[in-house]
Every structure is written in C-alpha cells, then in structure tokens.
Amino acid sequence: MSYSLLLILLCSYAVAQPTTSLRWQCVDSLYGPLPKGVHVFKSISPIDGKPNVAYYVSAELKSPEIDFDTQVGRGNRYTPSQYYQQEGKPLVVVNGTFFSFADNRNLNLVIRRGMLQAYNVPTVRLSKDTLRYYYLSRSAIGINKHRQADVTWLFTDTASKYAYNLINGPSQGIGPKADPNWAELRTQLKSGGRKKLRWKMETAIGGGPVLLQQGQVYITNKEERMFVTGENDKHPRTAMGYTYDGRLIILAVEGRRPGQADGASLVQTAEILKALGCKEALNLDGGGSSCLLVNGKATIQPSDKEGERPVPAVFMITTRK
C-alpha cells in the first residue's frame, strides 16, 4: 500500500461509542507541515446530545522524526504560545500540570530529559479542623528511553531524584505528616507490603486523575483527591493517553461556550479516549488552562476571556532537525 493511500485511510475513519458517538475528521492540511506518523483530528459531533468541539493529536511513539519534551516556567507562568516561541517553535505544545495561582508552583510532577523538574503535592489535609492528612500519589504520563509510555500513580520526595511508582494502585493512606517520606507513606498504605519502583522516564508530565487502565474506564478521582465528587461535571479538558499500537494521544475538548461547546466530564473524556484505542490515559489541567497548539496554531478556543492562560509547565512534541 502506498503511503498516500495509507494517509487517506488514516485520516478518514470514524470512532463511535454509545455515549459519545464522535466522528473525527483529519485536519492535517490546516496544521501542516507534519512529520510522518503525526496527525490532527477534529470532531464537532455532539457529546450526549450537547454541542462539542474537540481535537486530538496522534503521534507514533517510535517515529524517528519526532522527540518528546517538557518545559517549566521556573517560578513564572507563560502562555503556550510564549513557550512555542521560547522553545524554538516545537511541533506540538499542550498544557499539563495543575498549579498554584499564588506562587506559580506546579502541583504535579514534571520530568525533562530524565530529571525531575517539579514534584507532586505530597498531602491534602482531611479537614480544616484536623492535623491529619491524605498521603497522596497523583498520576502522570511518561515516556522512557525506549519510547514506551506509561500512566501510573506516583509518590515524589524532594530528597530523591526519582519518582516512585505505586505499582499496586494509588495511595489511600492517612497520617500525621504534612510532608511524608516513603517510609512514612508506606506504613499508612491500606495494603501491606506495597512495592515501590523507581519510575525512570525521559519525559513526563503529571495531572490527574487517571481515566483508563488496561483499556477500561477507571477513574481514581477519589483516591487522588481530585474532583472527588465531580466526575460528571463538564469543563474544557486536556487529557493524554497511549494506545495498544504505540501511539500517543493528546486530546483537547473545548468548553464553557454555551450553545457552541459544553465541554466534557471526566467520564466522557475517559470514554472518548477509550474509543480512540487508548490502553491507559489521564486527565490534565483543564478549564481555562486547556490549550493545544500544533505548529503554533490553536485548535480549541480557550475559555478564558483573555485567551491563552499562562501556565508553569507544558508538554511538547518536537521535530528532529
């Protein structure tokens, strides 16, 4: 089969789920030039009968023409377009981590070229009237040196240069320390004998909650203490996952535009990613932060009146020179 014919086939398929029924159109011509193995798709199919605008980028993880990277603001926040200019005009720029408006601090892990650049929030207080804390393991997506992707729950310690993968599932521990180390976390985990593994990734960005595991909807918002009762709330969404056949999927769903784009719930976002063939996936910062640029061109319209929101970290796909 010729490459041209293959491209036509890749750019003209439909994906349907009982609750989402999204049909996707290849819009490569609007965002080119694109390297081999990278495609851009758009859908305006309603989500559960509500208006929708969504885009996703599909990139072959082992394509020799692209690389994956992250960048942090180091105490500052920049718009995705500013990162695009500062980082040499990468192919794709997308927002990622949640953050503190007060001090621009990332609240999730970021790994760049194998080195931790930002850490997960270690705990959340049970209530204002107690000094007991949830010991957190928040989720991230990473790509290792073999171009294999992983979505998992992680514990980070500023005293360690590695993140630790909780391979038995997310932490649900409760304890007295506001900033526990691994030993203190381990004593509070519900299942005894928890293993930790060093999560050796070249590139990673965190958010949460997890949306898919082993191809099935599995939303750990309660365990990660993120949107604990809000899995059905609709917002603009940014999410990422990877497929069984080795593609990275970056999804952006427009929202907060009544009558034009209602956004998606965590459940709906998970179903969309499952329909796209993802094995594992997670939610990233959404709302006014959601922004996906391809060759510097916007896909969804940001929901903030001011346009793109400055963020302290982004995930990027770059083209090899």
Protein backbone atom coordinates (compact mmCIF):
# COMPACT_ATOMS: atom_id res chain seq x y z
CA MET A 1 0.00 0.00 0.00
CA SER A 2 1.33 3.44 -0.89
CA TYR A 3 1.96 5.99 1.85
CA SER A 4 -0.52 8.40 0.22
CA LEU A 5 -3.30 5.80 0.30
CA LEU A 6 -2.46 4.87 3.87
CA LEU A 7 -2.64 8.54 4.89
CA ILE A 8 -6.08 8.87 3.30
CA LEU A 9 -7.31 5.84 5.21
CA LEU A 10 -5.86 7.10 8.48
CA CYS A 11 -7.49 10.48 8.01
CA SER A 12 -10.99 9.29 7.24
CA TYR A 13 -12.10 6.94 9.98
CA ALA A 14 -14.91 7.32 12.50
CA VAL A 15 -14.92 6.39 16.17
CA ALA A 16 -18.19 5.62 17.88
CA GLN A 17 -19.16 4.97 21.48
CA PRO A 18 -22.69 4.53 22.79
CA THR A 19 -22.47 7.69 24.91
CA THR A 20 -20.23 9.85 22.77
CA SER A 21 -20.74 8.83 19.12
CA LEU A 22 -17.92 11.08 17.98
CA ARG A 23 -16.95 11.25 14.36
CA TRP A 24 -13.45 12.57 13.66
CA GLN A 25 -12.17 14.36 10.59
CA CYS A 26 -8.49 14.56 9.71
CA VAL A 27 -7.42 18.22 9.55
CA ASP A 28 -3.72 17.73 8.82
CA SER A 29 -3.89 20.23 5.96
CA LEU A 30 -4.77 23.03 8.41
CA TYR A 31 -1.80 22.37 10.68
CA GLY A 32 0.97 21.17 8.37
CA PRO A 33 3.63 20.51 7.61
CA LEU A 34 3.53 17.44 9.83
CA PRO A 35 6.15 14.71 10.03
CA LYS A 36 5.29 11.14 9.15
CA GLY A 37 3.32 9.46 11.90
CA VAL A 38 1.69 12.62 13.29
CA HIS A 39 -1.93 13.52 12.51
CA VAL A 40 -4.50 16.01 13.78
CA PHE A 41 -8.21 15.24 14.06
CA LYS A 42 -11.27 17.37 14.83
CA SER A 43 -14.79 16.47 15.94
CA ILE A 44 -17.90 18.59 16.19
CA SER A 45 -20.13 15.60 16.92
CA PRO A 46 -22.34 16.19 19.96
CA ILE A 47 -21.39 14.58 23.26
CA ASP A 48 -24.55 13.05 24.73
CA GLY A 49 -26.58 15.45 22.61
CA LYS A 50 -24.68 18.56 23.73
CA PRO A 51 -22.59 20.77 21.40
CA ASN A 52 -18.94 19.84 21.18
CA VAL A 53 -15.65 20.92 19.64
CA ALA A 54 -12.69 18.62 20.25
CA TYR A 55 -9.28 17.93 18.73
CA TYR A 56 -6.67 15.30 19.21
CA VAL A 57 -3.12 14.73 18.03
CA SER A 58 -1.98 11.20 17.26
CA ALA A 59 1.79 10.66 17.24
CA GLU A 60 3.67 7.41 16.74
CA LEU A 61 5.80 6.97 19.85
CA LYS A 62 8.67 5.36 17.95
CA SER A 63 8.66 7.70 14.97
CA PRO A 64 12.29 8.62 14.14
CA GLU A 65 11.18 12.08 13.05
CA ILE A 66 9.95 13.39 16.42
CA ASP A 67 11.00 13.74 20.05
CA PHE A 68 9.09 14.39 23.26
CA ASP A 69 9.94 17.07 25.79
CA THR A 70 8.62 19.25 28.61
CA GLN A 71 9.45 22.68 29.91
CA VAL A 72 8.73 24.52 33.16
CA GLY A 73 8.49 28.22 33.89
CA ARG A 74 10.89 28.13 36.88
CA GLY A 75 8.77 30.38 39.04
CA ASN A 76 6.97 32.03 36.15
CA ARG A 77 3.97 31.21 34.01
CA TYR A 78 3.87 31.60 30.24
CA THR A 79 1.18 31.05 27.66
CA PRO A 80 1.57 28.04 25.37
CA SER A 81 2.28 30.48 22.53
CA GLN A 82 5.10 32.02 24.56
CA TYR A 83 6.57 28.56 25.18
CA TYR A 84 6.26 27.93 21.44
CA GLN A 85 8.43 30.95 20.70
CA GLN A 86 10.88 30.39 23.56
CA GLU A 87 11.44 26.68 22.79
CA GLY A 88 12.28 27.00 19.11
CA LYS A 89 8.78 26.51 17.70
CA PRO A 90 8.04 22.87 18.60
CA LEU A 91 5.53 20.89 16.60
CA VAL A 92 3.04 20.50 19.48
CA VAL A 93 2.62 22.45 22.72
CA VAL A 94 -0.05 21.47 25.27
CA ASN A 95 -0.72 22.49 28.85
CA GLY A 96 -0.30 19.91 31.58
CA THR A 97 0.07 20.29 35.33
CA PHE A 98 -2.25 21.86 37.85
CA PHE A 99 -0.67 24.79 39.66
CA SER A 100 -0.90 27.41 42.39
CA PHE A 101 -2.01 30.86 41.25
CA ALA A 102 -0.41 32.31 44.38
CA ASP A 103 3.19 31.37 43.59
CA ASN A 104 3.04 29.80 40.09
CA ARG A 105 4.15 26.48 41.56
CA ASN A 106 3.48 23.23 39.70
CA LEU A 107 1.36 20.87 41.80
CA ASN A 108 2.31 17.81 39.77
CA LEU A 109 5.41 16.03 38.62
CA VAL A 110 7.36 17.16 35.55
CA ILE A 111 10.34 15.25 34.15
CA ARG A 112 12.61 16.72 31.48
CA ARG A 113 15.47 14.74 29.97
CA GLY A 114 15.33 12.25 32.80
CA MET A 115 15.43 14.84 35.60
CA LEU A 116 12.63 15.84 37.95
CA GLN A 117 11.70 19.48 37.41
CA ALA A 118 8.59 19.60 39.62
CA TYR A 119 7.04 17.41 42.30
CA ASN A 120 3.60 16.16 43.27
CA VAL A 121 1.78 17.70 46.19
CA PRO A 122 2.53 15.19 48.98
CA THR A 123 -0.61 15.57 51.10
CA VAL A 124 -4.02 17.17 51.46
CA ARG A 125 -5.46 17.92 54.89
CA LEU A 126 -8.54 15.86 55.79
CA SER A 127 -10.33 18.98 57.04
CA LYS A 128 -9.58 22.43 58.38
CA ASP A 129 -10.10 21.17 61.92
CA THR A 130 -7.55 18.37 61.90
CA LEU A 131 -3.81 17.87 61.55
CA ARG A 132 -4.22 14.57 59.74
CA TYR A 133 -3.53 14.28 56.04
CA TYR A 134 -4.25 12.19 52.99
CA TYR A 135 -0.92 10.82 51.74
CA LEU A 136 -1.21 11.31 48.00
CA SER A 137 0.04 9.51 44.92
CA ARG A 138 -1.02 11.55 41.94
CA SER A 139 -0.84 10.40 38.35
CA ALA A 140 1.37 11.21 35.38
CA ILE A 141 2.13 10.05 31.87
CA GLY A 142 5.73 9.29 30.97
CA ILE A 143 7.81 8.14 28.01
CA ASN A 144 11.03 6.19 28.63
CA LYS A 145 14.20 5.96 26.57
CA HIS A 146 12.75 3.05 24.59
CA ARG A 147 9.77 5.22 23.57
CA GLN A 148 7.38 3.21 25.74
CA ALA A 149 4.63 5.14 27.53
CA ASP A 150 3.14 4.59 30.96
CA VAL A 151 0.35 6.13 33.03
CA THR A 152 0.60 5.46 36.73
CA TRP A 153 0.31 6.81 40.29
CA LEU A 154 3.46 8.31 41.75
CA PHE A 155 4.95 9.41 45.01
CA THR A 156 7.65 12.07 44.88
CA ASP A 157 10.10 13.15 47.56
CA THR A 158 12.19 16.28 47.12
CA ALA A 159 15.06 14.37 48.74
CA SER A 160 15.08 11.83 45.89
CA LYS A 161 15.97 12.32 42.25
CA TYR A 162 13.42 9.70 41.18
CA ALA A 163 9.66 9.43 41.34
CA TYR A 164 8.29 6.20 42.80
CA ASN A 165 5.67 4.16 41.01
CA LEU A 166 2.99 2.65 43.23
CA ILE A 167 2.51 -0.45 41.12
CA ASN A 168 -0.35 -1.84 43.25
CA GLY A 169 -2.57 1.22 42.75
CA PRO A 170 -2.97 4.70 44.22
CA SER A 171 -2.26 5.55 47.84
CA GLN A 172 -5.18 5.91 50.20
CA GLY A 173 -3.06 6.40 53.29
CA ILE A 174 -3.81 8.85 56.09
CA GLY A 175 -1.23 10.10 58.56
CA PRO A 176 0.04 12.96 60.71
CA LYS A 177 2.87 14.29 58.50
CA ALA A 178 2.31 17.18 56.09
CA ASP A 179 5.35 16.12 54.04
CA PRO A 180 5.92 12.38 54.48
CA ASN A 181 8.83 10.38 53.11
CA TRP A 182 8.44 6.96 51.51
CA ALA A 183 8.79 5.04 54.79
CA GLU A 184 6.09 7.17 56.41
CA LEU A 185 3.80 6.77 53.43
CA ARG A 186 4.32 3.00 53.30
CA THR A 187 3.18 2.50 56.90
CA GLN A 188 -0.15 4.15 56.12
CA LEU A 189 -1.00 2.36 52.88
CA LYS A 190 -4.05 0.18 53.13
CA SER A 191 -2.48 -2.90 51.52
CA GLY A 192 0.60 -4.15 53.31
CA GLY A 193 3.81 -4.96 51.52
CA ARG A 194 3.44 -2.19 48.95
CA LYS A 195 6.28 -2.15 46.48
CA LYS A 196 7.93 0.96 45.15
CA LEU A 197 9.74 1.13 41.87
CA ARG A 198 11.85 3.93 40.53
CA TRP A 199 9.94 5.42 37.62
CA LYS A 200 12.72 6.01 35.13
CA MET A 201 11.26 8.21 32.41
CA GLU A 202 12.93 10.57 30.00
CA THR A 203 9.87 12.79 29.66
CA ALA A 204 6.77 13.01 31.85
CA ILE A 205 4.04 15.36 32.94
CA GLY A 206 1.53 14.96 35.74
CA GLY A 207 -2.07 15.84 36.38
CA GLY A 208 -4.92 13.62 37.42
CA PRO A 209 -6.98 11.69 37.91
CA VAL A 210 -6.27 8.52 35.96
CA LEU A 211 -9.06 7.85 33.44
CA LEU A 212 -8.17 4.49 31.87
CA GLN A 213 -6.24 1.40 32.92
CA GLN A 214 -5.87 -1.68 30.73
CA GLY A 215 -8.29 -0.22 28.21
CA GLN A 216 -11.13 0.18 30.71
CA VAL A 217 -12.61 3.28 32.30
CA TYR A 218 -11.04 3.51 35.75
CA ILE A 219 -11.28 6.99 37.28
CA THR A 220 -9.34 7.45 40.53
CA ASN A 221 -10.56 10.93 41.42
CA LYS A 222 -11.38 9.94 44.98
CA GLU A 223 -8.05 8.24 45.63
CA GLU A 224 -6.09 11.15 44.13
CA ARG A 225 -8.29 13.68 45.97
CA MET A 226 -9.06 15.49 42.71
CA PHE A 227 -12.66 16.38 41.78
CA VAL A 228 -13.78 13.93 44.49
CA THR A 229 -17.48 14.30 43.66
CA GLY A 230 -17.05 15.95 40.28
CA GLU A 231 -16.57 13.12 37.80
CA ASN A 232 -19.71 14.20 35.93
CA ASP A 233 -19.03 17.97 35.90
CA LYS A 234 -18.45 19.38 32.42
CA HIS A 235 -15.45 21.58 31.68
CA PRO A 236 -12.87 22.19 28.95
CA ARG A 237 -10.49 19.24 29.10
CA THR A 238 -6.90 18.38 28.34
CA ALA A 239 -6.01 14.69 28.54
CA MET A 240 -3.35 12.30 27.31
CA GLY A 241 -3.03 8.58 26.79
CA TYR A 242 -1.36 5.94 24.69
CA THR A 243 -2.75 3.19 22.51
CA TYR A 244 -2.10 -0.53 22.23
CA ASP A 245 -0.46 0.05 18.84
CA GLY A 246 2.08 2.57 20.12
CA ARG A 247 0.54 6.00 19.52
CA LEU A 248 0.48 8.93 21.90
CA ILE A 249 -2.92 10.66 22.02
CA ILE A 250 -3.25 14.29 23.14
CA LEU A 251 -6.89 15.35 23.50
CA ALA A 252 -8.33 18.83 23.98
CA VAL A 253 -12.06 19.43 24.45
CA GLU A 254 -13.44 22.95 24.18
CA GLY A 255 -15.96 24.13 26.77
CA ARG A 256 -17.73 26.89 28.68
CA ARG A 257 -19.16 28.28 25.46
CA PRO A 258 -22.94 27.87 25.81
CA GLY A 259 -24.60 26.67 22.66
CA GLN A 260 -21.26 26.02 20.94
CA ALA A 261 -19.12 23.78 23.14
CA ASP A 262 -20.25 22.42 26.51
CA GLY A 263 -17.04 20.60 27.44
CA ALA A 264 -16.86 17.07 28.80
CA SER A 265 -17.00 15.27 32.13
CA LEU A 266 -14.21 13.03 33.37
CA VAL A 267 -16.37 10.03 32.48
CA GLN A 268 -17.00 11.31 28.96
CA THR A 269 -13.32 12.16 28.49
CA ALA A 270 -12.40 8.63 29.54
CA GLU A 271 -14.92 7.16 27.09
CA ILE A 272 -13.56 9.29 24.23
CA LEU A 273 -10.01 8.11 24.91
CA LYS A 274 -11.14 4.51 25.19
CA ALA A 275 -12.90 4.83 21.83
CA LEU A 276 -9.65 6.16 20.32
CA GLY A 277 -7.94 2.93 21.34
CA CYS A 278 -6.08 4.09 24.45
CA LYS A 279 -4.77 1.49 26.85
CA GLU A 280 -4.07 3.98 29.64
CA ALA A 281 -4.89 7.68 30.00
CA LEU A 282 -5.16 10.52 32.49
CA ASN A 283 -6.76 13.91 32.87
CA LEU A 284 -4.56 17.01 32.89
CA ASP A 285 -5.34 20.57 33.96
CA GLY A 286 -8.43 21.78 32.16
CA GLY A 287 -10.80 24.69 32.37
CA GLY A 288 -9.21 27.96 31.33
CA SER A 289 -5.81 26.27 31.10
CA SER A 290 -6.79 23.91 28.26
CA CYS A 291 -4.83 24.76 25.12
CA LEU A 292 -3.38 22.67 22.29
CA LEU A 293 -1.13 24.22 19.64
CA VAL A 294 0.10 22.48 16.50
CA ASN A 295 2.81 24.31 14.59
CA GLY A 296 1.89 27.35 16.68
CA LYS A 297 -1.74 27.27 15.52
CA ALA A 298 -4.57 26.99 18.03
CA THR A 299 -7.01 24.08 17.98
CA ILE A 300 -9.69 24.62 20.64
CA GLN A 301 -10.64 28.14 21.73
CA PRO A 302 -9.52 28.79 25.34
CA SER A 303 -12.37 29.53 27.71
CA ASP A 304 -10.70 32.48 29.46
CA LYS A 305 -11.83 35.84 28.08
CA GLU A 306 -8.18 36.91 27.89
CA GLY A 307 -7.30 33.96 25.66
CA GLU A 308 -4.49 31.54 26.49
CA ARG A 309 -3.86 31.22 30.21
CA PRO A 310 -0.21 31.39 31.35
CA VAL A 311 0.84 28.02 32.82
CA PRO A 312 4.01 26.87 34.63
CA ALA A 313 4.63 23.75 32.53
CA VAL A 314 3.93 22.31 29.09
CA PHE A 315 4.40 19.05 27.21
CA MET A 316 5.88 19.30 23.72
CA ILE A 317 6.47 17.24 20.61
CA THR A 318 9.48 18.45 18.65
CA THR A 319 10.63 17.68 15.14
CA ARG A 320 14.13 16.29 14.72
CA LYS A 321 16.30 18.60 12.68
